Amino acid sequence: MKLVWSPKFTRSAKKLARLKPERLDAMEAALKHLEEEPHHPKLRTHKLSGDFEGCWACSVDYDLRIVFEFVRPRKGAEMEIHLLNIGTHNEVY
C-alpha cells in the first residue's frame, strides 16, 4: 500500500528526528511493515474510537504510536494509508 504523509505527520516525524534520533530506526521499520503488511503482528494495529473513530493506530515501540487511516482515493483505486500523526501515546491521543 502507498503511504501518504500528512503535513502534521511530517512535522511530528521531523520533531522526533530532532529530539529523539535514536528512535528513527524503529520508526522506519514500522513504516516499512505498515506499507507491506498493515496488520503485521509486530505493529499491534488496532481501530480507534471516540474522537478518532475511523482512524487506526499502530505501535512503533513501547510508547511511540502512528495514527493513520485507510483511504481509497477513488473507486477502483488501490487503498492508501494516510499517516496522520506520530508521537508518544499522550501526544497523539
PDB file of N, CA and C in Angstrom:
ATOM      1  N   MET A   1       0.840  -1.186   0.000  1.00  0.00           N
ATOM      2  CA  MET A   1       0.000   0.000   0.000  1.00  0.00           C
ATOM      3  C   MET A   1       0.879   1.241   0.000  1.00  0.00           C
ATOM      4  N   LYS A   2       0.367   2.264  -0.582  1.00  0.00           N
ATOM      5  CA  LYS A   2       1.085   3.530  -0.639  1.00  0.00           C
ATOM      6  C   LYS A   2       0.883   4.305   0.667  1.00  0.00           C
ATOM      7  N   LEU A   3       1.976   4.844   1.203  1.00  0.00           N
ATOM      8  CA  LEU A   3       1.903   5.687   2.401  1.00  0.00           C
ATOM      9  C   LEU A   3       1.869   7.149   1.967  1.00  0.00           C
ATOM     10  N   VAL A   4       0.915   7.902   2.491  1.00  0.00           N
ATOM     11  CA  VAL A   4       0.777   9.325   2.195  1.00  0.00           C
ATOM     12  C   VAL A   4       0.978  10.099   3.496  1.00  0.00           C
ATOM     13  N   TRP A   5       2.022  10.918   3.527  1.00  0.00           N
ATOM     14  CA  TRP A   5       2.354  11.683   4.733  1.00  0.00           C
ATOM     15  C   TRP A   5       1.548  12.977   4.776  1.00  0.00           C
ATOM     16  N   SER A   6       0.798  13.200   5.844  1.00  0.00           N
ATOM     17  CA  SER A   6       0.096  14.475   6.030  1.00  0.00           C
ATOM     18  C   SER A   6       1.109  15.513   6.524  1.00  0.00           C
ATOM     19  N   PRO A   7       0.785  16.798   6.390  1.00  0.00           N
ATOM     20  CA  PRO A   7       1.687  17.830   6.924  1.00  0.00           C
ATOM     21  C   PRO A   7       1.944  17.662   8.426  1.00  0.00           C
ATOM     22  N   LYS A   8       0.916  17.290   9.184  1.00  0.00           N
ATOM     23  CA  LYS A   8       1.085  17.112  10.636  1.00  0.00           C
ATOM     24  C   LYS A   8       2.018  15.941  10.919  1.00  0.00           C
ATOM     25  N   PHE A   9       1.871  14.836  10.185  1.00  0.00           N
ATOM     26  CA  PHE A   9       2.758  13.690  10.378  1.00  0.00           C
ATOM     27  C   PHE A   9       4.194  14.082  10.046  1.00  0.00           C
ATOM     28  N   THR A  10       4.377  14.825   8.968  1.00  0.00           N
ATOM     29  CA  THR A  10       5.715  15.261   8.568  1.00  0.00           C
ATOM     30  C   THR A  10       6.363  16.104   9.656  1.00  0.00           C
ATOM     31  N   ARG A  11       5.614  17.062  10.216  1.00  0.00           N
ATOM     32  CA  ARG A  11       6.143  17.901  11.294  1.00  0.00           C
ATOM     33  C   ARG A  11       6.503  17.066  12.520  1.00  0.00           C
ATOM     34  N   SER A  12       5.626  16.142  12.877  1.00  0.00           N
ATOM     35  CA  SER A  12       5.873  15.300  14.050  1.00  0.00           C
ATOM     36  C   SER A  12       7.085  14.392  13.840  1.00  0.00           C
ATOM     37  N   ALA A  13       7.245  13.854  12.636  1.00  0.00           N
ATOM     38  CA  ALA A  13       8.391  12.983  12.340  1.00  0.00           C
ATOM     39  C   ALA A  13       9.697  13.780  12.385  1.00  0.00           C
ATOM     40  N   LYS A  14       9.675  15.006  11.864  1.00  0.00           N
ATOM     41  CA  LYS A  14      10.871  15.852  11.922  1.00  0.00           C
ATOM     42  C   LYS A  14      11.228  16.196  13.367  1.00  0.00           C
ATOM     43  N   LYS A  15      10.212  16.474  14.176  1.00  0.00           N
ATOM     44  CA  LYS A  15      10.436  16.766  15.593  1.00  0.00           C
ATOM     45  C   LYS A  15      11.036  15.548  16.297  1.00  0.00           C
ATOM     46  N   LEU A  16      10.499  14.370  15.993  1.00  0.00           N
ATOM     47  CA  LEU A  16      11.025  13.136  16.569  1.00  0.00           C
ATOM     48  C   LEU A  16      12.488  12.946  16.166  1.00  0.00           C
ATOM     49  N   ALA A  17      12.794  13.191  14.899  1.00  0.00           N
ATOM     50  CA  ALA A  17      14.175  13.033  14.410  1.00  0.00           C
ATOM     51  C   ALA A  17      15.126  13.981  15.124  1.00  0.00           C
ATOM     52  N   ARG A  18      14.649  15.179  15.404  1.00  0.00           N
ATOM     53  CA  ARG A  18      15.484  16.191  16.064  1.00  0.00           C
ATOM     54  C   ARG A  18      15.677  15.885  17.546  1.00  0.00           C
ATOM     55  N   LEU A  19      14.601  15.496  18.234  1.00  0.00           N
ATOM     56  CA  LEU A  19      14.654  15.317  19.681  1.00  0.00           C
ATOM     57  C   LEU A  19      15.055  13.907  20.125  1.00  0.00           C
ATOM     58  N   LYS A  20      14.715  12.907  19.312  1.00  0.00           N
ATOM     59  CA  LYS A  20      14.988  11.520  19.702  1.00  0.00           C
ATOM     60  C   LYS A  20      15.483  10.715  18.498  1.00  0.00           C
ATOM     61  N   PRO A  21      16.663  11.067  17.985  1.00  0.00           N
ATOM     62  CA  PRO A  21      17.159  10.386  16.780  1.00  0.00           C
ATOM     63  C   PRO A  21      17.363   8.881  16.961  1.00  0.00           C
ATOM     64  N   GLU A  22      17.514   8.434  18.185  1.00  0.00           N
ATOM     65  CA  GLU A  22      17.710   7.005  18.430  1.00  0.00           C
ATOM     66  C   GLU A  22      16.462   6.188  18.097  1.00  0.00           C
ATOM     67  N   ARG A  23      15.312   6.840  17.934  1.00  0.00           N
ATOM     68  CA  ARG A  23      14.058   6.135  17.633  1.00  0.00           C
ATOM     69  C   ARG A  23      13.752   6.087  16.141  1.00  0.00           C
ATOM     70  N   LEU A  24      14.604   6.707  15.320  1.00  0.00           N
ATOM     71  CA  LEU A  24      14.349   6.758  13.879  1.00  0.00           C
ATOM     72  C   LEU A  24      14.366   5.380  13.226  1.00  0.00           C
ATOM     73  N   ASP A  25      15.283   4.528  13.629  1.00  0.00           N
ATOM     74  CA  ASP A  25      15.333   3.188  13.040  1.00  0.00           C
ATOM     75  C   ASP A  25      14.037   2.427  13.298  1.00  0.00           C
ATOM     76  N   ALA A  26      13.521   2.541  14.501  1.00  0.00           N
ATOM     77  CA  ALA A  26      12.257   1.875  14.841  1.00  0.00           C
ATOM     78  C   ALA A  26      11.105   2.452  14.027  1.00  0.00           C
ATOM     79  N   MET A  27      11.088   3.769  13.836  1.00  0.00           N
ATOM     80  CA  MET A  27      10.040   4.401  13.040  1.00  0.00           C
ATOM     81  C   MET A  27      10.105   3.924  11.593  1.00  0.00           C
ATOM     82  N   GLU A  28      11.305   3.889  11.025  1.00  0.00           N
ATOM     83  CA  GLU A  28      11.457   3.443   9.636  1.00  0.00           C
ATOM     84  C   GLU A  28      11.027   1.989   9.471  1.00  0.00           C
ATOM     85  N   ALA A  29      11.380   1.142  10.434  1.00  0.00           N
ATOM     86  CA  ALA A  29      10.975  -0.264  10.374  1.00  0.00           C
ATOM     87  C   ALA A  29       9.455  -0.399  10.446  1.00  0.00           C
ATOM     88  N   ALA A  30       8.826   0.371  11.323  1.00  0.00           N
ATOM     89  CA  ALA A  30       7.367   0.321  11.458  1.00  0.00           C
ATOM     90  C   ALA A  30       6.686   0.796  10.179  1.00  0.00           C
ATOM     91  N   LEU A  31       7.207   1.858   9.566  1.00  0.00           N
ATOM     92  CA  LEU A  31       6.624   2.354   8.318  1.00  0.00           C
ATOM     93  C   LEU A  31       6.762   1.323   7.200  1.00  0.00           C
ATOM     94  N   LYS A  32       7.883   0.621   7.166  1.00  0.00           N
ATOM     95  CA  LYS A  32       8.073  -0.419   6.157  1.00  0.00           C
ATOM     96  C   LYS A  32       7.064  -1.545   6.361  1.00  0.00           C
ATOM     97  N   HIS A  33       6.898  -1.994   7.629  1.00  0.00           N
ATOM     98  CA  HIS A  33       5.902  -3.028   7.926  1.00  0.00           C
ATOM     99  C   HIS A  33       4.508  -2.547   7.550  1.00  0.00           C
ATOM    100  N   LEU A  34       4.195  -1.309   7.883  1.00  0.00           N
ATOM    101  CA  LEU A  34       2.874  -0.745   7.609  1.00  0.00           C
ATOM    102  C   LEU A  34       2.595  -0.725   6.111  1.00  0.00           C
ATOM    103  N   GLU A  35       3.590  -0.369   5.333  1.00  0.00           N
ATOM    104  CA  GLU A  35       3.430  -0.307   3.878  1.00  0.00           C
ATOM    105  C   GLU A  35       3.242  -1.702   3.277  1.00  0.00           C
ATOM    106  N   GLU A  36       3.985  -2.670   3.798  1.00  0.00           N
ATOM    107  CA  GLU A  36       3.942  -4.021   3.243  1.00  0.00           C
ATOM    108  C   GLU A  36       2.795  -4.865   3.789  1.00  0.00           C
ATOM    109  N   GLU A  37       2.542  -4.766   5.078  1.00  0.00           N
ATOM    110  CA  GLU A  37       1.501  -5.557   5.729  1.00  0.00           C
ATOM    111  C   GLU A  37       0.952  -4.781   6.932  1.00  0.00           C
ATOM    112  N   PRO A  38      -0.094  -3.963   6.713  1.00  0.00           N
ATOM    113  CA  PRO A  38      -0.602  -3.084   7.780  1.00  0.00           C
ATOM    114  C   PRO A  38      -1.019  -3.781   9.071  1.00  0.00           C
ATOM    115  N   HIS A  39      -1.360  -5.044   8.977  1.00  0.00           N
ATOM    116  CA  HIS A  39      -1.793  -5.762  10.185  1.00  0.00           C
ATOM    117  C   HIS A  39      -0.722  -6.735  10.674  1.00  0.00           C
ATOM    118  N   HIS A  40       0.521  -6.419  10.411  1.00  0.00           N
ATOM    119  CA  HIS A  40       1.643  -7.238  10.875  1.00  0.00           C
ATOM    120  C   HIS A  40       1.566  -7.326  12.405  1.00  0.00           C
ATOM    121  N   PRO A  41       1.736  -8.507  12.975  1.00  0.00           N
ATOM    122  CA  PRO A  41       1.602  -8.669  14.435  1.00  0.00           C
ATOM    123  C   PRO A  41       2.511  -7.737  15.243  1.00  0.00           C
ATOM    124  N   LYS A  42       3.691  -7.458  14.728  1.00  0.00           N
ATOM    125  CA  LYS A  42       4.619  -6.595  15.460  1.00  0.00           C
ATOM    126  C   LYS A  42       4.064  -5.172  15.642  1.00  0.00           C
ATOM    127  N   LEU A  43       3.217  -4.732  14.723  1.00  0.00           N
ATOM    128  CA  LEU A  43       2.660  -3.370  14.782  1.00  0.00           C
ATOM    129  C   LEU A  43       1.518  -3.229  15.791  1.00  0.00           C
ATOM    130  N   ARG A  44       0.890  -4.322  16.117  1.00  0.00           N
ATOM    131  CA  ARG A  44      -0.290  -4.286  17.005  1.00  0.00           C
ATOM    132  C   ARG A  44      -1.306  -3.249  16.516  1.00  0.00           C
ATOM    133  N   THR A  45      -1.629  -3.320  15.242  1.00  0.00           N
ATOM    134  CA  THR A  45      -2.576  -2.393  14.616  1.00  0.00           C
ATOM    135  C   THR A  45      -3.964  -2.575  15.218  1.00  0.00           C
ATOM    136  N   HIS A  46      -4.621  -1.456  15.524  1.00  0.00           N
ATOM    137  CA  HIS A  46      -5.956  -1.512  16.112  1.00  0.00           C
ATOM    138  C   HIS A  46      -6.773  -0.282  15.719  1.00  0.00           C
ATOM    139  N   LYS A  47      -8.087  -0.476  15.688  1.00  0.00           N
ATOM    140  CA  LYS A  47      -9.020   0.617  15.403  1.00  0.00           C
ATOM    141  C   LYS A  47      -9.104   1.537  16.599  1.00  0.00           C
ATOM    142  N   LEU A  48      -9.366   2.799  16.318  1.00  0.00           N
ATOM    143  CA  LEU A  48      -9.573   3.773  17.385  1.00  0.00           C
ATOM    144  C   LEU A  48     -11.053   4.128  17.459  1.00  0.00           C
ATOM    145  N   SER A  49     -11.447   4.691  18.576  1.00  0.00           N
ATOM    146  CA  SER A  49     -12.845   5.084  18.759  1.00  0.00           C
ATOM    147  C   SER A  49     -12.905   6.494  19.326  1.00  0.00           C
ATOM    148  N   GLY A  50     -14.099   6.930  19.618  1.00  0.00           N
ATOM    149  CA  GLY A  50     -14.274   8.276  20.181  1.00  0.00           C
ATOM    150  C   GLY A  50     -13.938   9.350  19.167  1.00  0.00           C
ATOM    151  N   ASP A  51     -13.131  10.320  19.568  1.00  0.00           N
ATOM    152  CA  ASP A  51     -12.744  11.417  18.678  1.00  0.00           C
ATOM    153  C   ASP A  51     -11.964  10.929  17.464  1.00  0.00           C
ATOM    154  N   PHE A  52     -11.386   9.743  17.544  1.00  0.00           N
ATOM    155  CA  PHE A  52     -10.569   9.193  16.461  1.00  0.00           C
ATOM    156  C   PHE A  52     -11.280   8.079  15.700  1.00  0.00           C
ATOM    157  N   GLU A  53     -12.596   8.020  15.787  1.00  0.00           N
ATOM    158  CA  GLU A  53     -13.335   6.971  15.100  1.00  0.00           C
ATOM    159  C   GLU A  53     -13.055   7.027  13.606  1.00  0.00           C
ATOM    160  N   GLY A  54     -12.809   5.883  13.019  1.00  0.00           N
ATOM    161  CA  GLY A  54     -12.457   5.795  11.607  1.00  0.00           C
ATOM    162  C   GLY A  54     -10.956   5.766  11.376  1.00  0.00           C
ATOM    163  N   CYS A  55     -10.196   6.040  12.420  1.00  0.00           N
ATOM    164  CA  CYS A  55      -8.734   6.010  12.328  1.00  0.00           C
ATOM    165  C   CYS A  55      -8.213   4.719  12.938  1.00  0.00           C
ATOM    166  N   TRP A  56      -6.965   4.460  12.660  1.00  0.00           N
ATOM    167  CA  TRP A  56      -6.264   3.293  13.181  1.00  0.00           C
ATOM    168  C   TRP A  56      -4.971   3.759  13.830  1.00  0.00           C
ATOM    169  N   ALA A  57      -4.385   2.904  14.647  1.00  0.00           N
ATOM    170  CA  ALA A  57      -3.084   3.197  15.246  1.00  0.00           C
ATOM    171  C   ALA A  57      -2.251   1.930  15.245  1.00  0.00           C
ATOM    172  N   CYS A  58      -0.950   2.123  15.218  1.00  0.00           N
ATOM    173  CA  CYS A  58      -0.031   1.001  15.354  1.00  0.00           C
ATOM    174  C   CYS A  58       1.120   1.433  16.247  1.00  0.00           C
ATOM    175  N   SER A  59       1.792   0.447  16.810  1.00  0.00           N
ATOM    176  CA  SER A  59       2.899   0.719  17.721  1.00  0.00           C
ATOM    177  C   SER A  59       4.226   0.667  16.986  1.00  0.00           C
ATOM    178  N   VAL A  60       5.059   1.659  17.247  1.00  0.00           N
ATOM    179  CA  VAL A  60       6.424   1.660  16.737  1.00  0.00           C
ATOM    180  C   VAL A  60       7.308   0.958  17.755  1.00  0.00           C
ATOM    181  N   ASP A  61       7.148   1.331  19.000  1.00  0.00           N
ATOM    182  CA  ASP A  61       7.825   0.687  20.120  1.00  0.00           C
ATOM    183  C   ASP A  61       6.933   0.847  21.342  1.00  0.00           C
ATOM    184  N   TYR A  62       7.488   0.705  22.514  1.00  0.00           N
ATOM    185  CA  TYR A  62       6.685   0.699  23.739  1.00  0.00           C
ATOM    186  C   TYR A  62       5.713   1.869  23.831  1.00  0.00           C
ATOM    187  N   ASP A  63       6.171   3.101  23.607  1.00  0.00           N
ATOM    188  CA  ASP A  63       5.294   4.256  23.801  1.00  0.00           C
ATOM    189  C   ASP A  63       5.133   5.126  22.553  1.00  0.00           C
ATOM    190  N   LEU A  64       5.644   4.714  21.418  1.00  0.00           N
ATOM    191  CA  LEU A  64       5.559   5.523  20.204  1.00  0.00           C
ATOM    192  C   LEU A  64       4.486   4.942  19.290  1.00  0.00           C
ATOM    193  N   ARG A  65       3.540   5.796  18.867  1.00  0.00           N
ATOM    194  CA  ARG A  65       2.401   5.358  18.061  1.00  0.00           C
ATOM    195  C   ARG A  65       2.338   6.130  16.746  1.00  0.00           C
ATOM    196  N   ILE A  66       1.788   5.477  15.736  1.00  0.00           N
ATOM    197  CA  ILE A  66       1.456   6.116  14.459  1.00  0.00           C
ATOM    198  C   ILE A  66      -0.053   6.040  14.316  1.00  0.00           C
ATOM    199  N   VAL A  67      -0.689   7.183  14.061  1.00  0.00           N
ATOM    200  CA  VAL A  67      -2.126   7.235  13.809  1.00  0.00           C
ATOM    201  C   VAL A  67      -2.306   7.413  12.308  1.00  0.00           C
ATOM    202  N   PHE A  68      -3.200   6.620  11.731  1.00  0.00           N
ATOM    203  CA  PHE A  68      -3.395   6.653  10.283  1.00  0.00           C
ATOM    204  C   PHE A  68      -4.822   6.265   9.936  1.00  0.00           C
ATOM    205  N   GLU A  69      -5.147   6.399   8.653  1.00  0.00           N
ATOM    206  CA  GLU A  69      -6.437   5.932   8.167  1.00  0.00           C
ATOM    207  C   GLU A  69      -6.254   5.271   6.810  1.00  0.00           C
ATOM    208  N   PHE A  70      -7.112   4.310   6.538  1.00  0.00           N
ATOM    209  CA  PHE A  70      -7.135   3.662   5.230  1.00  0.00           C
ATOM    210  C   PHE A  70      -8.047   4.485   4.334  1.00  0.00           C
ATOM    211  N   VAL A  71      -7.557   4.855   3.146  1.00  0.00           N
ATOM    212  CA  VAL A  71      -8.327   5.701   2.240  1.00  0.00           C
ATOM    213  C   VAL A  71      -8.255   5.121   0.833  1.00  0.00           C
ATOM    214  N   ARG A  72      -9.397   5.019   0.193  1.00  0.00           N
ATOM    215  CA  ARG A  72      -9.437   4.669  -1.225  1.00  0.00           C
ATOM    216  C   ARG A  72      -9.704   5.977  -1.968  1.00  0.00           C
ATOM    217  N   PRO A  73      -8.686   6.519  -2.660  1.00  0.00           N
ATOM    218  CA  PRO A  73      -8.810   7.855  -3.246  1.00  0.00           C
ATOM    219  C   PRO A  73      -9.927   7.982  -4.281  1.00  0.00           C
ATOM    220  N   ARG A  74     -10.204   6.915  -4.993  1.00  0.00           N
ATOM    221  CA  ARG A  74     -11.314   6.927  -5.947  1.00  0.00           C
ATOM    222  C   ARG A  74     -11.752   5.479  -6.170  1.00  0.00           C
ATOM    223  N   LYS A  75     -12.918   5.323  -6.669  1.00  0.00           N
ATOM    224  CA  LYS A  75     -13.476   3.990  -6.885  1.00  0.00           C
ATOM    225  C   LYS A  75     -12.550   3.181  -7.796  1.00  0.00           C
ATOM    226  N   GLY A  76     -12.241   1.982  -7.362  1.00  0.00           N
ATOM    227  CA  GLY A  76     -11.392   1.098  -8.145  1.00  0.00           C
ATOM    228  C   GLY A  76      -9.896   1.309  -7.938  1.00  0.00           C
ATOM    229  N   ALA A  77      -9.517   2.381  -7.240  1.00  0.00           N
ATOM    230  CA  ALA A  77      -8.101   2.657  -6.994  1.00  0.00           C
ATOM    231  C   ALA A  77      -7.602   1.803  -5.833  1.00  0.00           C
ATOM    232  N   GLU A  78      -6.296   1.644  -5.776  1.00  0.00           N
ATOM    233  CA  GLU A  78      -5.688   0.901  -4.682  1.00  0.00           C
ATOM    234  C   GLU A  78      -5.821   1.687  -3.375  1.00  0.00           C
ATOM    235  N   MET A  79      -6.029   0.969  -2.302  1.00  0.00           N
ATOM    236  CA  MET A  79      -6.141   1.577  -0.982  1.00  0.00           C
ATOM    237  C   MET A  79      -4.821   2.248  -0.610  1.00  0.00           C
ATOM    238  N   GLU A  80      -4.900   3.399   0.050  1.00  0.00           N
ATOM    239  CA  GLU A  80      -3.737   4.131   0.537  1.00  0.00           C
ATOM    240  C   GLU A  80      -3.805   4.214   2.059  1.00  0.00           C
ATOM    241  N   ILE A  81      -2.651   4.419   2.665  1.00  0.00           N
ATOM    242  CA  ILE A  81      -2.588   4.657   4.102  1.00  0.00           C
ATOM    243  C   ILE A  81      -2.163   6.105   4.297  1.00  0.00           C
ATOM    244  N   HIS A  82      -3.064   6.911   4.861  1.00  0.00           N
ATOM    245  CA  HIS A  82      -2.770   8.316   5.134  1.00  0.00           C
ATOM    246  C   HIS A  82      -2.259   8.420   6.568  1.00  0.00           C
ATOM    247  N   LEU A  83      -0.992   8.790   6.695  1.00  0.00           N
ATOM    248  CA  LEU A  83      -0.349   8.922   8.004  1.00  0.00           C
ATOM    249  C   LEU A  83      -0.746  10.265   8.610  1.00  0.00           C
ATOM    250  N   LEU A  84      -1.369  10.247   9.770  1.00  0.00           N
ATOM    251  CA  LEU A  84      -1.910  11.459  10.384  1.00  0.00           C
ATOM    252  C   LEU A  84      -1.019  12.052  11.458  1.00  0.00           C
ATOM    253  N   ASN A  85      -0.403  11.198  12.278  1.00  0.00           N
ATOM    254  CA  ASN A  85       0.414  11.717  13.381  1.00  0.00           C
ATOM    255  C   ASN A  85       1.331  10.609  13.894  1.00  0.00           C
ATOM    256  N   ILE A  86       2.407  11.024  14.527  1.00  0.00           N
ATOM    257  CA  ILE A  86       3.314  10.095  15.200  1.00  0.00           C
ATOM    258  C   ILE A  86       3.777  10.759  16.488  1.00  0.00           C
ATOM    259  N   GLY A  87       3.867   9.992  17.536  1.00  0.00           N
ATOM    260  CA  GLY A  87       4.334  10.528  18.816  1.00  0.00           C
ATOM    261  C   GLY A  87       4.042   9.539  19.925  1.00  0.00           C
ATOM    262  N   THR A  88       4.312   9.973  21.141  1.00  0.00           N
ATOM    263  CA  THR A  88       4.022   9.123  22.291  1.00  0.00           C
ATOM    264  C   THR A  88       2.512   8.994  22.441  1.00  0.00           C
ATOM    265  N   HIS A  89       2.116   8.037  23.244  1.00  0.00           N
ATOM    266  CA  HIS A  89       0.685   7.798  23.480  1.00  0.00           C
ATOM    267  C   HIS A  89      -0.013   9.090  23.873  1.00  0.00           C
ATOM    268  N   ASN A  90       0.549   9.847  24.807  1.00  0.00           N
ATOM    269  CA  ASN A  90      -0.074  11.093  25.271  1.00  0.00           C
ATOM    270  C   ASN A  90      -0.085  12.187  24.208  1.00  0.00           C
ATOM    271  N   GLU A  91       0.901  12.190  23.323  1.00  0.00           N
ATOM    272  CA  GLU A  91       0.980  13.240  22.287  1.00  0.00           C
ATOM    273  C   GLU A  91      -0.061  13.044  21.183  1.00  0.00           C
ATOM    274  N   VAL A  92      -0.342  11.817  20.815  1.00  0.00           N
ATOM    275  CA  VAL A  92      -1.238  11.589  19.671  1.00  0.00           C
ATOM    276  C   VAL A  92      -2.692  11.396  20.046  1.00  0.00           C
ATOM    277  N   TYR A  93      -2.992  11.055  21.316  1.00  0.00           N
ATOM    278  CA  TYR A  93      -4.402  10.815  21.690  1.00  0.00           C
ATOM    279  C   TYR A  93      -4.952  11.969  22.452  1.00  0.00           C
TER     280      TYR A  93
END
